[in-house]
Amino acid sequence: MPARPPTPVINTPEHHFAATFLVIATRQPDDATLRAAVSLIDHAVIAAWALRPDDLVVLTQQQYRQLIDYTAASQVLDLALYLGGDRKKIRSLMDHIDREIAELLTHYTPPTPQT
């Protein structure tokens, strides 16, 4: 019997834990949908990072991902689950990530390059 694939790791900051738990409990995704949603998030964040605004050009891909996780982890997961993890709908998730970043930049100054 083949081994069951591991449940994907969802990096959830502590302040998003309750909301993320609520998303998973409400949506009740099966393992395949959860894996597909996490994969969709990974791909959408990479694509959004590649097209990031000039204000965030100093961020590495990992830093950009951490910023998304810190500011909107549960909202991004919720939309990815709503989309069923369908990679054909990656643009919808990217647009959501862009809106979250734009909202963040209205409240905080962008990072500056370290010298």
N, C-alpha and C. Protein backbone atom coordinates (compact mmCIF):
# COMPACT_ATOMS: atom_id res chain seq x y z
N MET A 1 0.84 -1.16 0.00
CA MET A 1 0.00 0.00 0.00
C MET A 1 0.90 1.24 0.00
N PRO A 2 0.66 2.19 -0.92
CA PRO A 2 1.50 3.39 -0.98
C PRO A 2 1.27 4.27 0.25
N ALA A 3 2.34 4.96 0.62
CA ALA A 3 2.25 5.86 1.77
C ALA A 3 1.36 7.05 1.43
N ARG A 4 0.61 7.48 2.39
CA ARG A 4 -0.26 8.64 2.21
C ARG A 4 0.61 9.90 2.13
N PRO A 5 0.34 10.77 1.17
CA PRO A 5 1.15 11.99 1.09
C PRO A 5 0.96 12.83 2.34
N PRO A 6 2.04 13.50 2.74
CA PRO A 6 1.93 14.29 3.96
C PRO A 6 1.00 15.49 3.77
N THR A 7 0.38 15.88 4.85
CA THR A 7 -0.44 17.09 4.84
C THR A 7 0.50 18.27 4.68
N PRO A 8 0.18 19.21 3.80
CA PRO A 8 1.10 20.33 3.57
C PRO A 8 1.24 21.21 4.80
N VAL A 9 2.40 21.82 4.90
CA VAL A 9 2.66 22.73 6.00
C VAL A 9 2.07 24.09 5.64
N ILE A 10 1.28 24.62 6.53
CA ILE A 10 0.72 25.95 6.34
C ILE A 10 1.37 26.84 7.39
N ASN A 11 2.22 27.74 6.93
CA ASN A 11 2.92 28.63 7.84
C ASN A 11 1.95 29.71 8.30
N THR A 12 1.50 29.58 9.53
CA THR A 12 0.51 30.51 10.06
C THR A 12 1.09 31.26 11.25
N PRO A 13 1.26 32.57 11.10
CA PRO A 13 1.70 33.36 12.26
C PRO A 13 0.68 33.22 13.40
N GLU A 14 1.17 33.35 14.59
CA GLU A 14 0.32 33.13 15.78
C GLU A 14 -0.94 33.99 15.76
N HIS A 15 -0.83 35.23 15.32
CA HIS A 15 -2.00 36.11 15.35
C HIS A 15 -3.04 35.75 14.29
N HIS A 16 -2.71 34.85 13.36
CA HIS A 16 -3.67 34.39 12.35
C HIS A 16 -4.16 32.97 12.63
N PHE A 17 -3.67 32.36 13.71
CA PHE A 17 -3.98 30.96 13.97
C PHE A 17 -5.49 30.71 14.09
N ALA A 18 -6.17 31.52 14.87
CA ALA A 18 -7.61 31.31 15.08
C ALA A 18 -8.38 31.47 13.77
N ALA A 19 -8.04 32.51 13.00
CA ALA A 19 -8.73 32.73 11.73
C ALA A 19 -8.45 31.60 10.75
N THR A 20 -7.20 31.13 10.72
CA THR A 20 -6.85 30.03 9.82
C THR A 20 -7.57 28.76 10.23
N PHE A 21 -7.63 28.49 11.51
CA PHE A 21 -8.37 27.34 12.01
C PHE A 21 -9.84 27.43 11.60
N LEU A 22 -10.41 28.62 11.73
CA LEU A 22 -11.81 28.82 11.36
C LEU A 22 -12.03 28.58 9.87
N VAL A 23 -11.09 29.04 9.04
CA VAL A 23 -11.20 28.81 7.59
C VAL A 23 -11.21 27.32 7.29
N ILE A 24 -10.27 26.60 7.89
CA ILE A 24 -10.19 25.15 7.63
C ILE A 24 -11.41 24.43 8.19
N ALA A 25 -11.84 24.82 9.38
CA ALA A 25 -13.02 24.17 9.97
C ALA A 25 -14.29 24.47 9.17
N THR A 26 -14.39 25.66 8.64
CA THR A 26 -15.57 26.05 7.87
C THR A 26 -15.58 25.41 6.49
N ARG A 27 -14.45 25.48 5.80
CA ARG A 27 -14.37 24.94 4.43
C ARG A 27 -14.26 23.42 4.41
N GLN A 28 -13.71 22.84 5.45
CA GLN A 28 -13.52 21.39 5.58
C GLN A 28 -12.96 20.75 4.30
N PRO A 29 -11.78 21.21 3.86
CA PRO A 29 -11.22 20.65 2.63
C PRO A 29 -10.72 19.22 2.84
N ASP A 30 -10.84 18.41 1.79
CA ASP A 30 -10.20 17.11 1.86
C ASP A 30 -8.70 17.31 1.65
N ASP A 31 -7.91 16.24 1.83
CA ASP A 31 -6.46 16.36 1.74
C ASP A 31 -6.01 16.90 0.38
N ALA A 32 -6.62 16.40 -0.68
CA ALA A 32 -6.22 16.82 -2.03
C ALA A 32 -6.50 18.30 -2.26
N THR A 33 -7.63 18.77 -1.80
CA THR A 33 -7.98 20.18 -1.96
C THR A 33 -7.06 21.06 -1.13
N LEU A 34 -6.75 20.63 0.08
CA LEU A 34 -5.84 21.40 0.92
C LEU A 34 -4.45 21.48 0.29
N ARG A 35 -3.95 20.36 -0.22
CA ARG A 35 -2.64 20.36 -0.89
C ARG A 35 -2.67 21.26 -2.12
N ALA A 36 -3.75 21.18 -2.90
CA ALA A 36 -3.87 22.02 -4.10
C ALA A 36 -3.93 23.50 -3.73
N ALA A 37 -4.63 23.83 -2.67
CA ALA A 37 -4.74 25.23 -2.23
C ALA A 37 -3.38 25.76 -1.77
N VAL A 38 -2.65 24.97 -1.01
CA VAL A 38 -1.32 25.39 -0.56
C VAL A 38 -0.39 25.55 -1.74
N SER A 39 -0.46 24.66 -2.70
CA SER A 39 0.36 24.77 -3.91
C SER A 39 -0.02 26.03 -4.70
N LEU A 40 -1.31 26.29 -4.81
CA LEU A 40 -1.77 27.50 -5.50
C LEU A 40 -1.23 28.75 -4.80
N ILE A 41 -1.26 28.76 -3.48
CA ILE A 41 -0.72 29.89 -2.73
C ILE A 41 0.76 30.06 -3.03
N ASP A 42 1.52 28.97 -2.98
CA ASP A 42 2.95 29.04 -3.26
C ASP A 42 3.22 29.66 -4.63
N HIS A 43 2.51 29.19 -5.63
CA HIS A 43 2.72 29.69 -6.99
C HIS A 43 2.25 31.14 -7.14
N ALA A 44 1.14 31.47 -6.53
CA ALA A 44 0.61 32.84 -6.63
C ALA A 44 1.54 33.84 -5.94
N VAL A 45 2.10 33.46 -4.80
CA VAL A 45 3.01 34.36 -4.10
C VAL A 45 4.28 34.57 -4.92
N ILE A 46 4.80 33.52 -5.53
CA ILE A 46 5.99 33.66 -6.37
C ILE A 46 5.70 34.58 -7.55
N ALA A 47 4.56 34.38 -8.19
CA ALA A 47 4.19 35.21 -9.34
C ALA A 47 3.95 36.66 -8.90
N ALA A 48 3.29 36.85 -7.77
CA ALA A 48 3.04 38.20 -7.27
C ALA A 48 4.36 38.88 -6.90
N TRP A 49 5.29 38.12 -6.33
CA TRP A 49 6.60 38.68 -6.00
C TRP A 49 7.31 39.12 -7.28
N ALA A 50 7.24 38.33 -8.32
CA ALA A 50 7.91 38.68 -9.58
C ALA A 50 7.33 39.97 -10.16
N LEU A 51 6.06 40.24 -9.89
CA LEU A 51 5.39 41.44 -10.40
C LEU A 51 5.16 42.48 -9.30
N ARG A 52 5.89 42.37 -8.21
CA ARG A 52 5.69 43.26 -7.05
C ARG A 52 5.90 44.72 -7.42
N PRO A 53 5.32 45.61 -6.64
CA PRO A 53 5.49 47.03 -6.90
C PRO A 53 6.94 47.47 -6.67
N ASP A 54 7.31 48.54 -7.31
CA ASP A 54 8.68 49.05 -7.20
C ASP A 54 9.07 49.33 -5.75
N ASP A 55 8.10 49.71 -4.92
CA ASP A 55 8.38 49.97 -3.51
C ASP A 55 8.91 48.75 -2.77
N LEU A 56 8.63 47.57 -3.29
CA LEU A 56 9.03 46.33 -2.61
C LEU A 56 10.13 45.57 -3.34
N VAL A 57 10.80 46.24 -4.28
CA VAL A 57 11.82 45.56 -5.07
C VAL A 57 12.99 45.07 -4.20
N VAL A 58 13.16 45.66 -3.03
CA VAL A 58 14.26 45.25 -2.15
C VAL A 58 13.98 43.93 -1.43
N LEU A 59 12.73 43.47 -1.44
CA LEU A 59 12.39 42.23 -0.74
C LEU A 59 12.77 41.01 -1.56
N THR A 60 13.34 40.03 -0.88
CA THR A 60 13.59 38.74 -1.53
C THR A 60 12.27 38.00 -1.62
N GLN A 61 12.28 36.92 -2.36
CA GLN A 61 11.06 36.12 -2.48
C GLN A 61 10.62 35.61 -1.11
N GLN A 62 11.56 35.18 -0.30
CA GLN A 62 11.24 34.67 1.03
C GLN A 62 10.67 35.79 1.91
N GLN A 63 11.25 36.97 1.85
CA GLN A 63 10.73 38.09 2.64
C GLN A 63 9.33 38.48 2.20
N TYR A 64 9.08 38.45 0.90
CA TYR A 64 7.75 38.78 0.38
C TYR A 64 6.73 37.76 0.89
N ARG A 65 7.11 36.49 0.87
CA ARG A 65 6.22 35.43 1.38
C ARG A 65 5.94 35.64 2.86
N GLN A 66 6.96 35.99 3.63
CA GLN A 66 6.77 36.24 5.05
C GLN A 66 5.83 37.42 5.27
N LEU A 67 5.95 38.43 4.43
CA LEU A 67 5.06 39.59 4.53
C LEU A 67 3.61 39.19 4.28
N ILE A 68 3.40 38.38 3.25
CA ILE A 68 2.05 37.89 2.95
C ILE A 68 1.52 37.04 4.11
N ASP A 69 2.36 36.12 4.58
CA ASP A 69 1.93 35.27 5.71
C ASP A 69 1.58 36.11 6.92
N TYR A 70 2.38 37.13 7.21
CA TYR A 70 2.16 37.94 8.40
C TYR A 70 0.91 38.80 8.29
N THR A 71 0.64 39.30 7.09
CA THR A 71 -0.48 40.25 6.95
C THR A 71 -1.79 39.60 6.55
N ALA A 72 -1.75 38.50 5.78
CA ALA A 72 -3.00 38.00 5.22
C ALA A 72 -3.06 36.49 5.06
N ALA A 73 -2.42 35.76 5.95
CA ALA A 73 -2.36 34.30 5.80
C ALA A 73 -3.74 33.66 5.70
N SER A 74 -4.62 34.00 6.60
CA SER A 74 -5.93 33.34 6.62
C SER A 74 -6.79 33.75 5.42
N GLN A 75 -6.72 35.01 5.01
CA GLN A 75 -7.51 35.46 3.87
C GLN A 75 -7.04 34.80 2.57
N VAL A 76 -5.73 34.67 2.42
CA VAL A 76 -5.18 34.04 1.22
C VAL A 76 -5.55 32.55 1.19
N LEU A 77 -5.45 31.88 2.34
CA LEU A 77 -5.85 30.47 2.40
C LEU A 77 -7.33 30.31 2.09
N ASP A 78 -8.15 31.19 2.64
CA ASP A 78 -9.59 31.10 2.40
C ASP A 78 -9.90 31.22 0.91
N LEU A 79 -9.30 32.17 0.24
CA LEU A 79 -9.56 32.33 -1.19
C LEU A 79 -9.01 31.14 -1.98
N ALA A 80 -7.83 30.66 -1.62
CA ALA A 80 -7.27 29.50 -2.32
C ALA A 80 -8.17 28.27 -2.18
N LEU A 81 -8.74 28.08 -1.00
CA LEU A 81 -9.68 26.97 -0.81
C LEU A 81 -10.96 27.21 -1.58
N TYR A 82 -11.45 28.44 -1.57
CA TYR A 82 -12.66 28.78 -2.33
C TYR A 82 -12.45 28.48 -3.82
N LEU A 83 -11.24 28.76 -4.31
CA LEU A 83 -10.91 28.50 -5.72
C LEU A 83 -10.62 27.02 -5.97
N GLY A 84 -10.64 26.22 -4.92
CA GLY A 84 -10.42 24.78 -5.05
C GLY A 84 -8.99 24.42 -5.40
N GLY A 85 -8.07 25.37 -5.20
CA GLY A 85 -6.67 25.11 -5.53
C GLY A 85 -6.41 25.04 -7.03
N ASP A 86 -7.36 25.50 -7.82
CA ASP A 86 -7.27 25.43 -9.28
C ASP A 86 -6.23 26.43 -9.80
N ARG A 87 -5.13 25.92 -10.36
CA ARG A 87 -4.06 26.80 -10.84
C ARG A 87 -4.50 27.67 -12.02
N LYS A 88 -5.57 27.31 -12.67
CA LYS A 88 -6.08 28.16 -13.76
C LYS A 88 -6.64 29.47 -13.20
N LYS A 89 -6.87 29.50 -11.91
CA LYS A 89 -7.42 30.70 -11.27
C LYS A 89 -6.36 31.44 -10.47
N ILE A 90 -5.10 31.23 -10.82
CA ILE A 90 -3.99 31.84 -10.09
C ILE A 90 -4.08 33.36 -10.11
N ARG A 91 -4.55 33.92 -11.22
CA ARG A 91 -4.63 35.38 -11.32
C ARG A 91 -5.56 35.98 -10.27
N SER A 92 -6.63 35.29 -9.94
CA SER A 92 -7.54 35.77 -8.90
C SER A 92 -6.83 35.87 -7.55
N LEU A 93 -6.03 34.86 -7.24
CA LEU A 93 -5.29 34.88 -5.98
C LEU A 93 -4.18 35.92 -6.01
N MET A 94 -3.52 36.06 -7.14
CA MET A 94 -2.49 37.10 -7.27
C MET A 94 -3.09 38.49 -7.08
N ASP A 95 -4.24 38.73 -7.68
CA ASP A 95 -4.90 40.02 -7.53
C ASP A 95 -5.25 40.29 -6.07
N HIS A 96 -5.70 39.26 -5.37
CA HIS A 96 -6.01 39.42 -3.95
C HIS A 96 -4.74 39.77 -3.16
N ILE A 97 -3.66 39.08 -3.45
CA ILE A 97 -2.38 39.36 -2.79
C ILE A 97 -1.95 40.79 -3.08
N ASP A 98 -2.08 41.22 -4.33
CA ASP A 98 -1.73 42.60 -4.70
C ASP A 98 -2.55 43.61 -3.91
N ARG A 99 -3.84 43.34 -3.74
CA ARG A 99 -4.69 44.25 -2.96
C ARG A 99 -4.26 44.29 -1.49
N GLU A 100 -3.91 43.15 -0.94
CA GLU A 100 -3.44 43.11 0.45
C GLU A 100 -2.16 43.92 0.61
N ILE A 101 -1.25 43.77 -0.34
CA ILE A 101 0.01 44.52 -0.29
C ILE A 101 -0.25 46.02 -0.46
N ALA A 102 -1.11 46.38 -1.39
CA ALA A 102 -1.44 47.80 -1.60
C ALA A 102 -2.03 48.41 -0.34
N GLU A 103 -2.91 47.66 0.32
CA GLU A 103 -3.50 48.14 1.58
C GLU A 103 -2.43 48.31 2.64
N LEU A 104 -1.52 47.37 2.72
CA LEU A 104 -0.43 47.44 3.69
C LEU A 104 0.42 48.69 3.45
N LEU A 105 0.72 48.97 2.18
CA LEU A 105 1.57 50.12 1.84
C LEU A 105 0.89 51.46 2.11
N THR A 106 -0.43 51.46 2.26
CA THR A 106 -1.10 52.71 2.62
C THR A 106 -0.89 53.05 4.09
N HIS A 107 -0.53 52.04 4.90
CA HIS A 107 -0.35 52.24 6.34
C HIS A 107 1.11 52.30 6.77
N TYR A 108 2.00 51.71 5.99
CA TYR A 108 3.40 51.62 6.38
C TYR A 108 4.30 52.08 5.24
N THR A 109 5.43 52.63 5.59
CA THR A 109 6.38 53.03 4.56
C THR A 109 7.07 51.80 4.01
N PRO A 110 7.40 51.82 2.73
CA PRO A 110 8.07 50.65 2.15
C PRO A 110 9.48 50.48 2.72
N PRO A 111 9.99 49.28 2.65
CA PRO A 111 11.35 49.04 3.17
C PRO A 111 12.38 49.74 2.29
N THR A 112 13.51 50.04 2.90
CA THR A 112 14.60 50.68 2.14
C THR A 112 15.76 49.69 2.08
N PRO A 113 16.56 49.80 1.02
CA PRO A 113 17.71 48.89 0.90
C PRO A 113 18.69 49.08 2.07
N GLN A 114 19.21 47.98 2.56
CA GLN A 114 20.22 48.03 3.61
C GLN A 114 21.58 48.29 2.99
N THR A 115 22.34 49.18 3.58
CA THR A 115 23.69 49.47 3.04
C THR A 115 24.76 48.94 3.93
